Amino acid sequence: MSLDLVAALELDEAAEVAKITERLRELLRSHLRRRGLIVAISGGIDSAVCAALAVGAVGPERVLSLIHI
Protein backbone atom coordinates (compact mmCIF):
# COMPACT_ATOMS: atom_id res chain seq x y z
CA MET A 1 0.00 0.00 0.00
CA SER A 2 1.30 3.47 -0.78
CA LEU A 3 2.01 5.89 2.04
CA ASP A 4 -0.57 8.34 0.66
CA LEU A 5 -3.31 5.72 0.92
CA VAL A 6 -2.26 4.75 4.44
CA ALA A 7 -2.32 8.39 5.52
CA ALA A 8 -5.74 8.88 3.91
CA LEU A 9 -7.15 5.94 5.87
CA GLU A 10 -5.94 7.13 9.27
CA LEU A 11 -8.67 8.13 11.72
CA ASP A 12 -8.72 10.30 14.79
CA GLU A 13 -10.91 7.95 16.82
CA ALA A 14 -11.67 10.44 19.60
CA ALA A 15 -12.77 13.09 17.09
CA GLU A 16 -15.01 10.59 15.28
CA VAL A 17 -16.63 9.49 18.54
CA ALA A 18 -17.22 13.14 19.44
CA LYS A 19 -18.86 13.80 16.06
CA ILE A 20 -21.14 10.77 16.33
CA THR A 21 -22.23 11.46 19.91
CA GLU A 22 -22.89 15.13 19.16
CA ARG A 23 -25.00 14.16 16.15
CA LEU A 24 -26.99 11.70 18.28
CA ARG A 25 -27.68 14.47 20.83
CA GLU A 26 -28.66 16.87 18.05
CA LEU A 27 -31.08 14.37 16.48
CA LEU A 28 -32.67 13.60 19.84
CA ARG A 29 -33.23 17.30 20.54
CA SER A 30 -34.30 18.63 17.17
CA HIS A 31 -35.92 15.81 15.22
CA LEU A 32 -36.96 13.08 17.62
CA ARG A 33 -37.74 15.29 20.63
CA ARG A 34 -36.74 12.54 23.03
CA ARG A 35 -34.48 12.47 26.08
CA GLY A 36 -33.04 8.98 25.71
CA LEU A 37 -32.28 6.09 23.41
CA ILE A 38 -33.31 2.46 23.10
CA VAL A 39 -30.57 0.23 21.69
CA ALA A 40 -31.30 -3.32 20.55
CA ILE A 41 -28.18 -5.40 21.07
CA SER A 42 -27.20 -8.86 19.89
CA GLY A 43 -24.02 -9.34 21.86
CA GLY A 44 -21.72 -8.62 18.93
CA ILE A 45 -19.07 -5.95 18.65
CA ASP A 46 -21.26 -3.66 16.52
CA SER A 47 -23.98 -3.75 19.19
CA ALA A 48 -21.44 -2.95 21.88
CA VAL A 49 -20.16 0.01 19.87
CA CYS A 50 -23.70 1.32 19.34
CA ALA A 51 -24.48 0.99 23.04
CA ALA A 52 -21.23 2.73 24.01
CA LEU A 53 -21.93 5.60 21.61
CA ALA A 54 -25.45 5.97 22.98
CA VAL A 55 -24.16 6.07 26.56
CA GLY A 56 -21.50 8.57 25.52
CA ALA A 57 -24.15 10.78 23.94
CA VAL A 58 -26.83 10.84 26.65
CA GLY A 59 -25.44 9.03 29.68
CA PRO A 60 -26.18 5.55 31.04
CA GLU A 61 -29.36 6.64 32.84
CA ARG A 62 -30.96 7.58 29.50
CA VAL A 63 -30.12 4.41 27.52
CA LEU A 64 -32.27 1.29 27.56
CA SER A 65 -30.69 -1.79 26.01
CA LEU A 66 -32.77 -4.67 24.75
CA ILE A 67 -31.27 -8.07 24.04
CA HIS A 68 -32.99 -10.97 22.34
CA ILE A 69 -31.99 -14.39 23.63
C-alpha atoms as a PDB file:
ATOM      1  CA  MET A   1       0.000   0.000   0.000  1.00  0.00           C
ATOM      2  CA  SER A   2       1.295   3.466  -0.778  1.00  0.00           C
ATOM      3  CA  LEU A   3       2.006   5.893   2.042  1.00  0.00           C
ATOM      4  CA  ASP A   4      -0.571   8.337   0.665  1.00  0.00           C
ATOM      5  CA  LEU A   5      -3.309   5.720   0.919  1.00  0.00           C
ATOM      6  CA  VAL A   6      -2.257   4.746   4.441  1.00  0.00           C
ATOM      7  CA  ALA A   7      -2.317   8.392   5.517  1.00  0.00           C
ATOM      8  CA  ALA A   8      -5.742   8.880   3.908  1.00  0.00           C
ATOM      9  CA  LEU A   9      -7.151   5.939   5.869  1.00  0.00           C
ATOM     10  CA  GLU A  10      -5.938   7.132   9.275  1.00  0.00           C
ATOM     11  CA  LEU A  11      -8.667   8.135  11.720  1.00  0.00           C
ATOM     12  CA  ASP A  12      -8.724  10.301  14.786  1.00  0.00           C
ATOM     13  CA  GLU A  13     -10.915   7.948  16.824  1.00  0.00           C
ATOM     14  CA  ALA A  14     -11.672  10.444  19.602  1.00  0.00           C
ATOM     15  CA  ALA A  15     -12.766  13.085  17.090  1.00  0.00           C
ATOM     16  CA  GLU A  16     -15.012  10.590  15.278  1.00  0.00           C
ATOM     17  CA  VAL A  17     -16.634   9.491  18.543  1.00  0.00           C
ATOM     18  CA  ALA A  18     -17.216  13.145  19.443  1.00  0.00           C
ATOM     19  CA  LYS A  19     -18.862  13.805  16.057  1.00  0.00           C
ATOM     20  CA  ILE A  20     -21.139  10.774  16.328  1.00  0.00           C
ATOM     21  CA  THR A  21     -22.234  11.457  19.910  1.00  0.00           C
ATOM     22  CA  GLU A  22     -22.887  15.127  19.158  1.00  0.00           C
ATOM     23  CA  ARG A  23     -25.005  14.162  16.148  1.00  0.00           C
ATOM     24  CA  LEU A  24     -26.993  11.703  18.283  1.00  0.00           C
ATOM     25  CA  ARG A  25     -27.678  14.466  20.829  1.00  0.00           C
ATOM     26  CA  GLU A  26     -28.659  16.874  18.045  1.00  0.00           C
ATOM     27  CA  LEU A  27     -31.077  14.369  16.477  1.00  0.00           C
ATOM     28  CA  LEU A  28     -32.667  13.599  19.838  1.00  0.00           C
ATOM     29  CA  ARG A  29     -33.230  17.296  20.541  1.00  0.00           C
ATOM     30  CA  SER A  30     -34.297  18.628  17.168  1.00  0.00           C
ATOM     31  CA  HIS A  31     -35.925  15.807  15.223  1.00  0.00           C
ATOM     32  CA  LEU A  32     -36.960  13.076  17.619  1.00  0.00           C
ATOM     33  CA  ARG A  33     -37.742  15.293  20.627  1.00  0.00           C
ATOM     34  CA  ARG A  34     -36.736  12.544  23.032  1.00  0.00           C
ATOM     35  CA  ARG A  35     -34.484  12.465  26.083  1.00  0.00           C
ATOM     36  CA  GLY A  36     -33.036   8.979  25.706  1.00  0.00           C
ATOM     37  CA  LEU A  37     -32.282   6.089  23.411  1.00  0.00           C
ATOM     38  CA  ILE A  38     -33.314   2.459  23.102  1.00  0.00           C
ATOM     39  CA  VAL A  39     -30.573   0.232  21.695  1.00  0.00           C
ATOM     40  CA  ALA A  40     -31.301  -3.316  20.552  1.00  0.00           C
ATOM     41  CA  ILE A  41     -28.178  -5.396  21.068  1.00  0.00           C
ATOM     42  CA  SER A  42     -27.204  -8.859  19.888  1.00  0.00           C
ATOM     43  CA  GLY A  43     -24.021  -9.340  21.864  1.00  0.00           C
ATOM     44  CA  GLY A  44     -21.716  -8.618  18.927  1.00  0.00           C
ATOM     45  CA  ILE A  45     -19.071  -5.947  18.649  1.00  0.00           C
ATOM     46  CA  ASP A  46     -21.262  -3.661  16.523  1.00  0.00           C
ATOM     47  CA  SER A  47     -23.982  -3.745  19.188  1.00  0.00           C
ATOM     48  CA  ALA A  48     -21.441  -2.947  21.880  1.00  0.00           C
ATOM     49  CA  VAL A  49     -20.165   0.015  19.875  1.00  0.00           C
ATOM     50  CA  CYS A  50     -23.702   1.322  19.341  1.00  0.00           C
ATOM     51  CA  ALA A  51     -24.483   0.989  23.042  1.00  0.00           C
ATOM     52  CA  ALA A  52     -21.233   2.728  24.011  1.00  0.00           C
ATOM     53  CA  LEU A  53     -21.926   5.599  21.609  1.00  0.00           C
ATOM     54  CA  ALA A  54     -25.455   5.966  22.981  1.00  0.00           C
ATOM     55  CA  VAL A  55     -24.160   6.075  26.558  1.00  0.00           C
ATOM     56  CA  GLY A  56     -21.504   8.575  25.523  1.00  0.00           C
ATOM     57  CA  ALA A  57     -24.152  10.780  23.943  1.00  0.00           C
ATOM     58  CA  VAL A  58     -26.834  10.841  26.645  1.00  0.00           C
ATOM     59  CA  GLY A  59     -25.442   9.027  29.680  1.00  0.00           C
ATOM     60  CA  PRO A  60     -26.183   5.547  31.042  1.00  0.00           C
ATOM     61  CA  GLU A  61     -29.363   6.637  32.840  1.00  0.00           C
ATOM     62  CA  ARG A  62     -30.961   7.583  29.498  1.00  0.00           C
ATOM     63  CA  VAL A  63     -30.125   4.414  27.523  1.00  0.00           C
ATOM     64  CA  LEU A  64     -32.271   1.293  27.556  1.00  0.00           C
ATOM     65  CA  SER A  65     -30.690  -1.786  26.006  1.00  0.00           C
ATOM     66  CA  LEU A  66     -32.773  -4.665  24.752  1.00  0.00           C
ATOM     67  CA  ILE A  67     -31.273  -8.066  24.040  1.00  0.00           C
ATOM     68  CA  HIS A  68     -32.988 -10.965  22.335  1.00  0.00           C
ATOM     69  CA  ILE A  69     -31.990 -14.392  23.629  1.00  0.00           C
END
